[in-house]
Amino acid sequence: MTILAHTLGTGDSYNFIMTTEKVDKAGPFFEKIKMDPTTRLFSSFSQAGLEVSMSRVYLGIHFRYDSEEEHKLGTKIGEYAHQNYLKPVNNTN
């Protein structure tokens, strides 16, 4: 989500809708179940990223602490990648 914020040049504040039709019932080796509702409205990339991280807690796969730290680390990695690897393309035609 950090990379999207930088790529779109909007900073963290950005309204968008994420649609997910089906998810794994209890992990990748389980059947899929229909989401209700199928769409979620977010006002920032960090809000969406944190919700994705916390979804693992709701599935019973991780503890809250793990997901919060995972989100912080993912943000740091995104910042590092943006600063060190993602450079503008020079379009000289």
PDB file of N, CA and C in Angstrom:
ATOM      1  N   MET A   1       0.819  -1.182   0.000  1.00  0.00           N
ATOM      2  CA  MET A   1       0.000   0.000   0.000  1.00  0.00           C
ATOM      3  C   MET A   1       0.870   1.256   0.000  1.00  0.00           C
ATOM      4  N   THR A   2       2.024   1.179   0.619  1.00  0.00           N
ATOM      5  CA  THR A   2       2.958   2.311   0.621  1.00  0.00           C
ATOM      6  C   THR A   2       3.422   2.611  -0.796  1.00  0.00           C
ATOM      7  N   ILE A   3       3.718   1.574  -1.551  1.00  0.00           N
ATOM      8  CA  ILE A   3       4.150   1.762  -2.938  1.00  0.00           C
ATOM      9  C   ILE A   3       3.025   2.383  -3.764  1.00  0.00           C
ATOM     10  N   LEU A   4       1.790   1.940  -3.569  1.00  0.00           N
ATOM     11  CA  LEU A   4       0.670   2.538  -4.302  1.00  0.00           C
ATOM     12  C   LEU A   4       0.536   4.023  -3.984  1.00  0.00           C
ATOM     13  N   ALA A   5       0.669   4.380  -2.723  1.00  0.00           N
ATOM     14  CA  ALA A   5       0.553   5.786  -2.325  1.00  0.00           C
ATOM     15  C   ALA A   5       1.608   6.628  -3.032  1.00  0.00           C
ATOM     16  N   HIS A   6       2.827   6.123  -3.100  1.00  0.00           N
ATOM     17  CA  HIS A   6       3.901   6.871  -3.776  1.00  0.00           C
ATOM     18  C   HIS A   6       3.725   6.864  -5.295  1.00  0.00           C
ATOM     19  N   THR A   7       3.333   5.732  -5.844  1.00  0.00           N
ATOM     20  CA  THR A   7       3.188   5.617  -7.296  1.00  0.00           C
ATOM     21  C   THR A   7       2.100   6.540  -7.826  1.00  0.00           C
ATOM     22  N   LEU A   8       0.990   6.592  -7.108  1.00  0.00           N
ATOM     23  CA  LEU A   8      -0.114   7.456  -7.540  1.00  0.00           C
ATOM     24  C   LEU A   8       0.118   8.917  -7.181  1.00  0.00           C
ATOM     25  N   GLY A   9       1.107   9.175  -6.340  1.00  0.00           N
ATOM     26  CA  GLY A   9       1.433  10.546  -5.984  1.00  0.00           C
ATOM     27  C   GLY A   9       0.388  11.234  -5.137  1.00  0.00           C
ATOM     28  N   THR A  10      -0.389  10.461  -4.407  1.00  0.00           N
ATOM     29  CA  THR A  10      -1.475  11.032  -3.620  1.00  0.00           C
ATOM     30  C   THR A  10      -1.155  11.101  -2.136  1.00  0.00           C
ATOM     31  N   GLY A  11      -0.024  10.553  -1.733  1.00  0.00           N
ATOM     32  CA  GLY A  11       0.212  10.393  -0.315  1.00  0.00           C
ATOM     33  C   GLY A  11      -0.686   9.292   0.207  1.00  0.00           C
ATOM     34  N   ASP A  12      -0.862   9.240   1.503  1.00  0.00           N
ATOM     35  CA  ASP A  12      -1.661   8.158   2.087  1.00  0.00           C
ATOM     36  C   ASP A  12      -3.159   8.362   1.873  1.00  0.00           C
ATOM     37  N   SER A  13      -3.607   9.605   1.846  1.00  0.00           N
ATOM     38  CA  SER A  13      -5.046   9.882   1.701  1.00  0.00           C
ATOM     39  C   SER A  13      -5.500   9.618   0.274  1.00  0.00           C
ATOM     40  N   TYR A  14      -6.376   8.642   0.133  1.00  0.00           N
ATOM     41  CA  TYR A  14      -6.870   8.276  -1.195  1.00  0.00           C
ATOM     42  C   TYR A  14      -8.111   7.423  -0.999  1.00  0.00           C
ATOM     43  N   ASN A  15      -9.241   7.873  -1.491  1.00  0.00           N
ATOM     44  CA  ASN A  15     -10.480   7.112  -1.378  1.00  0.00           C
ATOM     45  C   ASN A  15     -10.545   6.061  -2.480  1.00  0.00           C
ATOM     46  N   PHE A  16     -10.816   4.827  -2.095  1.00  0.00           N
ATOM     47  CA  PHE A  16     -10.977   3.777  -3.099  1.00  0.00           C
ATOM     48  C   PHE A  16     -11.841   2.660  -2.547  1.00  0.00           C
ATOM     49  N   ILE A  17     -12.340   1.851  -3.455  1.00  0.00           N
ATOM     50  CA  ILE A  17     -13.171   0.708  -3.102  1.00  0.00           C
ATOM     51  C   ILE A  17     -12.419  -0.560  -3.474  1.00  0.00           C
ATOM     52  N   MET A  18     -12.388  -1.507  -2.547  1.00  0.00           N
ATOM     53  CA  MET A  18     -11.765  -2.797  -2.802  1.00  0.00           C
ATOM     54  C   MET A  18     -12.881  -3.840  -2.861  1.00  0.00           C
ATOM     55  N   THR A  19     -12.894  -4.628  -3.922  1.00  0.00           N
ATOM     56  CA  THR A  19     -13.913  -5.659  -4.088  1.00  0.00           C
ATOM     57  C   THR A  19     -13.275  -7.031  -3.943  1.00  0.00           C
ATOM     58  N   THR A  20     -13.850  -7.845  -3.081  1.00  0.00           N
ATOM     59  CA  THR A  20     -13.403  -9.215  -2.878  1.00  0.00           C
ATOM     60  C   THR A  20     -14.639 -10.099  -2.907  1.00  0.00           C
ATOM     61  N   GLU A  21     -14.748 -10.905  -3.937  1.00  0.00           N
ATOM     62  CA  GLU A  21     -15.928 -11.757  -4.098  1.00  0.00           C
ATOM     63  C   GLU A  21     -15.926 -12.937  -3.125  1.00  0.00           C
ATOM     64  N   LYS A  22     -14.772 -13.623  -3.032  1.00  0.00           N
ATOM     65  CA  LYS A  22     -14.675 -14.807  -2.175  1.00  0.00           C
ATOM     66  C   LYS A  22     -13.336 -14.815  -1.453  1.00  0.00           C
ATOM     67  N   VAL A  23     -13.313 -15.457  -0.288  1.00  0.00           N
ATOM     68  CA  VAL A  23     -12.078 -15.609   0.487  1.00  0.00           C
ATOM     69  C   VAL A  23     -11.959 -17.056   0.958  1.00  0.00           C
ATOM     70  N   ASP A  24     -10.754 -17.417   1.381  1.00  0.00           N
ATOM     71  CA  ASP A  24     -10.549 -18.738   1.960  1.00  0.00           C
ATOM     72  C   ASP A  24     -11.287 -18.808   3.297  1.00  0.00           C
ATOM     73  N   LYS A  25     -11.977 -19.893   3.537  1.00  0.00           N
ATOM     74  CA  LYS A  25     -12.766 -20.032   4.762  1.00  0.00           C
ATOM     75  C   LYS A  25     -11.883 -20.001   6.012  1.00  0.00           C
ATOM     76  N   ALA A  26     -10.776 -20.707   5.981  1.00  0.00           N
ATOM     77  CA  ALA A  26      -9.894 -20.748   7.155  1.00  0.00           C
ATOM     78  C   ALA A  26      -8.442 -20.948   6.742  1.00  0.00           C
ATOM     79  N   GLY A  27      -8.054 -20.413   5.626  1.00  0.00           N
ATOM     80  CA  GLY A  27      -6.690 -20.570   5.140  1.00  0.00           C
ATOM     81  C   GLY A  27      -6.679 -21.050   3.708  1.00  0.00           C
ATOM     82  N   PRO A  28      -5.503 -21.105   3.102  1.00  0.00           N
ATOM     83  CA  PRO A  28      -5.400 -21.398   1.663  1.00  0.00           C
ATOM     84  C   PRO A  28      -5.830 -22.802   1.246  1.00  0.00           C
ATOM     85  N   PHE A  29      -5.928 -23.732   2.158  1.00  0.00           N
ATOM     86  CA  PHE A  29      -6.282 -25.101   1.781  1.00  0.00           C
ATOM     87  C   PHE A  29      -7.742 -25.435   2.064  1.00  0.00           C
ATOM     88  N   PHE A  30      -8.523 -24.407   2.364  1.00  0.00           N
ATOM     89  CA  PHE A  30      -9.932 -24.605   2.673  1.00  0.00           C
ATOM     90  C   PHE A  30     -10.791 -24.068   1.536  1.00  0.00           C
ATOM     91  N   GLU A  31     -12.058 -24.418   1.568  1.00  0.00           N
ATOM     92  CA  GLU A  31     -12.976 -23.950   0.535  1.00  0.00           C
ATOM     93  C   GLU A  31     -13.122 -22.430   0.585  1.00  0.00           C
ATOM     94  N   LYS A  32     -13.628 -21.875  -0.493  1.00  0.00           N
ATOM     95  CA  LYS A  32     -13.880 -20.443  -0.582  1.00  0.00           C
ATOM     96  C   LYS A  32     -15.293 -20.136  -0.101  1.00  0.00           C
ATOM     97  N   ILE A  33     -15.448 -18.983   0.530  1.00  0.00           N
ATOM     98  CA  ILE A  33     -16.775 -18.537   0.940  1.00  0.00           C
ATOM     99  C   ILE A  33     -17.023 -17.146   0.374  1.00  0.00           C
ATOM    100  N   LYS A  34     -18.274 -16.843   0.135  1.00  0.00           N
ATOM    101  CA  LYS A  34     -18.658 -15.560  -0.444  1.00  0.00           C
ATOM    102  C   LYS A  34     -18.560 -14.470   0.620  1.00  0.00           C
ATOM    103  N   MET A  35     -17.996 -13.343   0.242  1.00  0.00           N
ATOM    104  CA  MET A  35     -17.898 -12.196   1.145  1.00  0.00           C
ATOM    105  C   MET A  35     -19.236 -11.472   1.209  1.00  0.00           C
ATOM    106  N   ASP A  36     -19.561 -10.942   2.364  1.00  0.00           N
ATOM    107  CA  ASP A  36     -20.780 -10.148   2.518  1.00  0.00           C
ATOM    108  C   ASP A  36     -20.508  -9.066   3.549  1.00  0.00           C
ATOM    109  N   PRO A  37     -20.282  -7.857   3.128  1.00  0.00           N
ATOM    110  CA  PRO A  37     -20.415  -7.328   1.769  1.00  0.00           C
ATOM    111  C   PRO A  37     -19.160  -7.633   0.943  1.00  0.00           C
ATOM    112  N   THR A  38     -19.294  -7.556  -0.357  1.00  0.00           N
ATOM    113  CA  THR A  38     -18.162  -7.843  -1.242  1.00  0.00           C
ATOM    114  C   THR A  38     -17.259  -6.638  -1.445  1.00  0.00           C
ATOM    115  N   THR A  39     -17.740  -5.454  -1.114  1.00  0.00           N
ATOM    116  CA  THR A  39     -16.940  -4.244  -1.312  1.00  0.00           C
ATOM    117  C   THR A  39     -16.675  -3.540   0.017  1.00  0.00           C
ATOM    118  N   ARG A  40     -15.494  -2.938   0.101  1.00  0.00           N
ATOM    119  CA  ARG A  40     -15.094  -2.164   1.273  1.00  0.00           C
ATOM    120  C   ARG A  40     -14.607  -0.807   0.779  1.00  0.00           C
ATOM    121  N   LEU A  41     -14.975   0.239   1.473  1.00  0.00           N
ATOM    122  CA  LEU A  41     -14.552   1.600   1.135  1.00  0.00           C
ATOM    123  C   LEU A  41     -13.438   2.010   2.085  1.00  0.00           C
ATOM    124  N   PHE A  42     -12.341   2.510   1.522  1.00  0.00           N
ATOM    125  CA  PHE A  42     -11.200   2.957   2.324  1.00  0.00           C
ATOM    126  C   PHE A  42     -10.902   4.416   2.007  1.00  0.00           C
ATOM    127  N   SER A  43     -10.417   5.129   3.000  1.00  0.00           N
ATOM    128  CA  SER A  43     -10.050   6.528   2.803  1.00  0.00           C
ATOM    129  C   SER A  43      -8.540   6.724   2.764  1.00  0.00           C
ATOM    130  N   SER A  44      -7.793   5.637   2.952  1.00  0.00           N
ATOM    131  CA  SER A  44      -6.333   5.725   2.864  1.00  0.00           C
ATOM    132  C   SER A  44      -5.756   4.348   2.567  1.00  0.00           C
ATOM    133  N   PHE A  45      -4.544   4.356   2.031  1.00  0.00           N
ATOM    134  CA  PHE A  45      -3.861   3.097   1.757  1.00  0.00           C
ATOM    135  C   PHE A  45      -3.474   2.409   3.062  1.00  0.00           C
ATOM    136  N   SER A  46      -3.064   3.202   4.067  1.00  0.00           N
ATOM    137  CA  SER A  46      -2.667   2.584   5.334  1.00  0.00           C
ATOM    138  C   SER A  46      -3.849   1.918   6.022  1.00  0.00           C
ATOM    139  N   GLN A  47      -5.036   2.496   5.900  1.00  0.00           N
ATOM    140  CA  GLN A  47      -6.241   1.892   6.475  1.00  0.00           C
ATOM    141  C   GLN A  47      -6.490   0.521   5.843  1.00  0.00           C
ATOM    142  N   ALA A  48      -6.375   0.436   4.528  1.00  0.00           N
ATOM    143  CA  ALA A  48      -6.576  -0.840   3.833  1.00  0.00           C
ATOM    144  C   ALA A  48      -5.486  -1.838   4.214  1.00  0.00           C
ATOM    145  N   GLY A  49      -4.248  -1.382   4.275  1.00  0.00           N
ATOM    146  CA  GLY A  49      -3.146  -2.270   4.638  1.00  0.00           C
ATOM    147  C   GLY A  49      -3.298  -2.851   6.024  1.00  0.00           C
ATOM    148  N   LEU A  50      -3.712  -2.015   6.971  1.00  0.00           N
ATOM    149  CA  LEU A  50      -3.898  -2.497   8.333  1.00  0.00           C
ATOM    150  C   LEU A  50      -5.051  -3.498   8.403  1.00  0.00           C
ATOM    151  N   GLU A  51      -6.120  -3.241   7.669  1.00  0.00           N
ATOM    152  CA  GLU A  51      -7.244  -4.186   7.671  1.00  0.00           C
ATOM    153  C   GLU A  51      -6.826  -5.530   7.080  1.00  0.00           C
ATOM    154  N   VAL A  52      -6.034  -5.499   6.033  1.00  0.00           N
ATOM    155  CA  VAL A  52      -5.547  -6.749   5.441  1.00  0.00           C
ATOM    156  C   VAL A  52      -4.683  -7.499   6.455  1.00  0.00           C
ATOM    157  N   SER A  53      -3.816  -6.779   7.154  1.00  0.00           N
ATOM    158  CA  SER A  53      -2.982  -7.413   8.178  1.00  0.00           C
ATOM    159  C   SER A  53      -3.830  -8.018   9.286  1.00  0.00           C
ATOM    160  N   MET A  54      -4.829  -7.291   9.730  1.00  0.00           N
ATOM    161  CA  MET A  54      -5.666  -7.758  10.831  1.00  0.00           C
ATOM    162  C   MET A  54      -6.563  -8.929  10.426  1.00  0.00           C
ATOM    163  N   SER A  55      -6.805  -9.090   9.131  1.00  0.00           N
ATOM    164  CA  SER A  55      -7.657 -10.198   8.695  1.00  0.00           C
ATOM    165  C   SER A  55      -7.066 -11.537   9.112  1.00  0.00           C
ATOM    166  N   ARG A  56      -5.772 -11.612   9.217  1.00  0.00           N
ATOM    167  CA  ARG A  56      -5.122 -12.851   9.637  1.00  0.00           C
ATOM    168  C   ARG A  56      -5.410 -13.162  11.110  1.00  0.00           C
ATOM    169  N   VAL A  57      -5.604 -12.106  11.896  1.00  0.00           N
ATOM    170  CA  VAL A  57      -6.009 -12.289  13.293  1.00  0.00           C
ATOM    171  C   VAL A  57      -7.426 -12.859  13.339  1.00  0.00           C
ATOM    172  N   TYR A  58      -8.307 -12.280  12.514  1.00  0.00           N
ATOM    173  CA  TYR A  58      -9.703 -12.717  12.504  1.00  0.00           C
ATOM    174  C   TYR A  58      -9.851 -14.167  12.047  1.00  0.00           C
ATOM    175  N   LEU A  59      -8.923 -14.624  11.216  1.00  0.00           N
ATOM    176  CA  LEU A  59      -8.947 -16.019  10.780  1.00  0.00           C
ATOM    177  C   LEU A  59      -8.354 -16.959  11.837  1.00  0.00           C
ATOM    178  N   GLY A  60      -7.722 -16.393  12.848  1.00  0.00           N
ATOM    179  CA  GLY A  60      -7.098 -17.216  13.874  1.00  0.00           C
ATOM    180  C   GLY A  60      -5.720 -17.711  13.489  1.00  0.00           C
ATOM    181  N   ILE A  61      -5.113 -17.079  12.478  1.00  0.00           N
ATOM    182  CA  ILE A  61      -3.795 -17.506  12.001  1.00  0.00           C
ATOM    183  C   ILE A  61      -2.672 -16.814  12.776  1.00  0.00           C
ATOM    184  N   HIS A  62      -2.879 -15.551  13.175  1.00  0.00           N
ATOM    185  CA  HIS A  62      -1.850 -14.771  13.865  1.00  0.00           C
ATOM    186  C   HIS A  62      -2.431 -14.114  15.109  1.00  0.00           C
ATOM    187  N   PHE A  63      -1.520 -13.615  15.932  1.00  0.00           N
ATOM    188  CA  PHE A  63      -1.908 -12.788  17.067  1.00  0.00           C
ATOM    189  C   PHE A  63      -1.932 -11.330  16.631  1.00  0.00           C
ATOM    190  N   ARG A  64      -2.658 -10.484  17.347  1.00  0.00           N
ATOM    191  CA  ARG A  64      -2.762  -9.063  17.010  1.00  0.00           C
ATOM    192  C   ARG A  64      -1.378  -8.412  16.930  1.00  0.00           C
ATOM    193  N   TYR A  65      -0.530  -8.700  17.912  1.00  0.00           N
ATOM    194  CA  TYR A  65       0.813  -8.114  17.923  1.00  0.00           C
ATOM    195  C   TYR A  65       1.557  -8.419  16.625  1.00  0.00           C
ATOM    196  N   ASP A  66       1.489  -9.676  16.172  1.00  0.00           N
ATOM    197  CA  ASP A  66       2.157 -10.065  14.917  1.00  0.00           C
ATOM    198  C   ASP A  66       1.676  -9.221  13.747  1.00  0.00           C
ATOM    199  N   SER A  67       0.374  -9.059  13.654  1.00  0.00           N
ATOM    200  CA  SER A  67      -0.202  -8.328  12.521  1.00  0.00           C
ATOM    201  C   SER A  67       0.137  -6.844  12.570  1.00  0.00           C
ATOM    202  N   GLU A  68       0.135  -6.256  13.756  1.00  0.00           N
ATOM    203  CA  GLU A  68       0.488  -4.834  13.876  1.00  0.00           C
ATOM    204  C   GLU A  68       1.946  -4.608  13.495  1.00  0.00           C
ATOM    205  N   GLU A  69       2.837  -5.489  13.970  1.00  0.00           N
ATOM    206  CA  GLU A  69       4.263  -5.356  13.634  1.00  0.00           C
ATOM    207  C   GLU A  69       4.509  -5.648  12.157  1.00  0.00           C
ATOM    208  N   GLU A  70       3.774  -6.610  11.606  1.00  0.00           N
ATOM    209  CA  GLU A  70       3.871  -6.925  10.174  1.00  0.00           C
ATOM    210  C   GLU A  70       3.511  -5.700   9.338  1.00  0.00           C
ATOM    211  N   HIS A  71       2.469  -4.999   9.759  1.00  0.00           N
ATOM    212  CA  HIS A  71       2.033  -3.798   9.045  1.00  0.00           C
ATOM    213  C   HIS A  71       3.106  -2.706   9.110  1.00  0.00           C
ATOM    214  N   LYS A  72       3.699  -2.511  10.276  1.00  0.00           N
ATOM    215  CA  LYS A  72       4.767  -1.508  10.432  1.00  0.00           C
ATOM    216  C   LYS A  72       5.972  -1.869   9.562  1.00  0.00           C
ATOM    217  N   LEU A  73       6.371  -3.140   9.587  1.00  0.00           N
ATOM    218  CA  LEU A  73       7.516  -3.583   8.798  1.00  0.00           C
ATOM    219  C   LEU A  73       7.237  -3.446   7.307  1.00  0.00           C
ATOM    220  N   GLY A  74       6.032  -3.820   6.878  1.00  0.00           N
ATOM    221  CA  GLY A  74       5.671  -3.689   5.469  1.00  0.00           C
ATOM    222  C   GLY A  74       5.727  -2.244   5.001  1.00  0.00           C
ATOM    223  N   THR A  75       5.304  -1.321   5.854  1.00  0.00           N
ATOM    224  CA  THR A  75       5.378   0.103   5.512  1.00  0.00           C
ATOM    225  C   THR A  75       6.829   0.539   5.362  1.00  0.00           C
ATOM    226  N   LYS A  76       7.687   0.102   6.273  1.00  0.00           N
ATOM    227  CA  LYS A  76       9.120   0.450   6.195  1.00  0.00           C
ATOM    228  C   LYS A  76       9.756  -0.120   4.926  1.00  0.00           C
ATOM    229  N   ILE A  77       9.408  -1.347   4.583  1.00  0.00           N
ATOM    230  CA  ILE A  77       9.948  -1.969   3.367  1.00  0.00           C
ATOM    231  C   ILE A  77       9.475  -1.200   2.138  1.00  0.00           C
ATOM    232  N   GLY A  78       8.191  -0.812   2.119  1.00  0.00           N
ATOM    233  CA  GLY A  78       7.662  -0.023   1.008  1.00  0.00           C
ATOM    234  C   GLY A  78       8.384   1.313   0.871  1.00  0.00           C
ATOM    235  N   GLU A  79       8.648   1.986   1.989  1.00  0.00           N
ATOM    236  CA  GLU A  79       9.386   3.252   1.959  1.00  0.00           C
ATOM    237  C   GLU A  79      10.796   3.040   1.421  1.00  0.00           C
ATOM    238  N   TYR A  80      11.460   1.996   1.890  1.00  0.00           N
ATOM    239  CA  TYR A  80      12.820   1.705   1.441  1.00  0.00           C
ATOM    240  C   TYR A  80      12.845   1.405  -0.060  1.00  0.00           C
ATOM    241  N   ALA A  81      11.914   0.579  -0.516  1.00  0.00           N
ATOM    242  CA  ALA A  81      11.855   0.240  -1.940  1.00  0.00           C
ATOM    243  C   ALA A  81      11.597   1.482  -2.780  1.00  0.00           C
ATOM    244  N   HIS A  82      10.714   2.330  -2.330  1.00  0.00           N
ATOM    245  CA  HIS A  82      10.408   3.563  -3.065  1.00  0.00           C
ATOM    246  C   HIS A  82      11.637   4.457  -3.157  1.00  0.00           C
ATOM    247  N   GLN A  83      12.347   4.621  -2.069  1.00  0.00           N
ATOM    248  CA  GLN A  83      13.504   5.518  -2.036  1.00  0.00           C
ATOM    249  C   GLN A  83      14.717   4.960  -2.777  1.00  0.00           C
ATOM    250  N   ASN A  84      14.868   3.648  -2.823  1.00  0.00           N
ATOM    251  CA  ASN A  84      16.091   3.062  -3.355  1.00  0.00           C
ATOM    252  C   ASN A  84      15.965   2.344  -4.686  1.00  0.00           C
ATOM    253  N   TYR A  85      14.764   1.946  -5.067  1.00  0.00           N
ATOM    254  CA  TYR A  85      14.626   1.145  -6.278  1.00  0.00           C
ATOM    255  C   TYR A  85      13.668   1.710  -7.313  1.00  0.00           C
ATOM    256  N   LEU A  86      12.635   2.372  -6.875  1.00  0.00           N
ATOM    257  CA  LEU A  86      11.622   2.844  -7.825  1.00  0.00           C
ATOM    258  C   LEU A  86      11.963   4.265  -8.271  1.00  0.00           C
ATOM    259  N   LYS A  87      12.383   4.370  -9.471  1.00  0.00           N
ATOM    260  CA  LYS A  87      12.786   5.673 -10.021  1.00  0.00           C
ATOM    261  C   LYS A  87      11.875   6.035 -11.195  1.00  0.00           C
ATOM    262  N   PRO A  88      11.639   7.328 -11.402  1.00  0.00           N
ATOM    263  CA  PRO A  88      10.789   7.749 -12.534  1.00  0.00           C
ATOM    264  C   PRO A  88      11.395   7.307 -13.858  1.00  0.00           C
ATOM    265  N   VAL A  89      10.533   6.985 -14.800  1.00  0.00           N
ATOM    266  CA  VAL A  89      10.968   6.620 -16.136  1.00  0.00           C
ATOM    267  C   VAL A  89      11.195   7.907 -16.916  1.00  0.00           C
ATOM    268  N   ASN A  90      12.318   7.971 -17.607  1.00  0.00           N
ATOM    269  CA  ASN A  90      12.638   9.142 -18.409  1.00  0.00           C
ATOM    270  C   ASN A  90      12.025   8.944 -19.803  1.00  0.00           C
ATOM    271  N   ASN A  91      10.950   9.664 -20.087  1.00  0.00           N
ATOM    272  CA  ASN A  91      10.259   9.541 -21.369  1.00  0.00           C
ATOM    273  C   ASN A  91      10.731  10.633 -22.326  1.00  0.00           C
ATOM    274  N   THR A  92      11.854  10.402 -22.962  1.00  0.00           N
ATOM    275  CA  THR A  92      12.342  11.348 -23.961  1.00  0.00           C
ATOM    276  C   THR A  92      12.127  10.735 -25.331  1.00  0.00           C
ATOM    277  N   ASN A  93      11.086  11.194 -25.997  1.00  0.00           N
ATOM    278  CA  ASN A  93      10.746  10.632 -27.313  1.00  0.00           C
ATOM    279  C   ASN A  93      11.296  11.493 -28.408  1.00  0.00           C
TER     280      ASN A  93
END
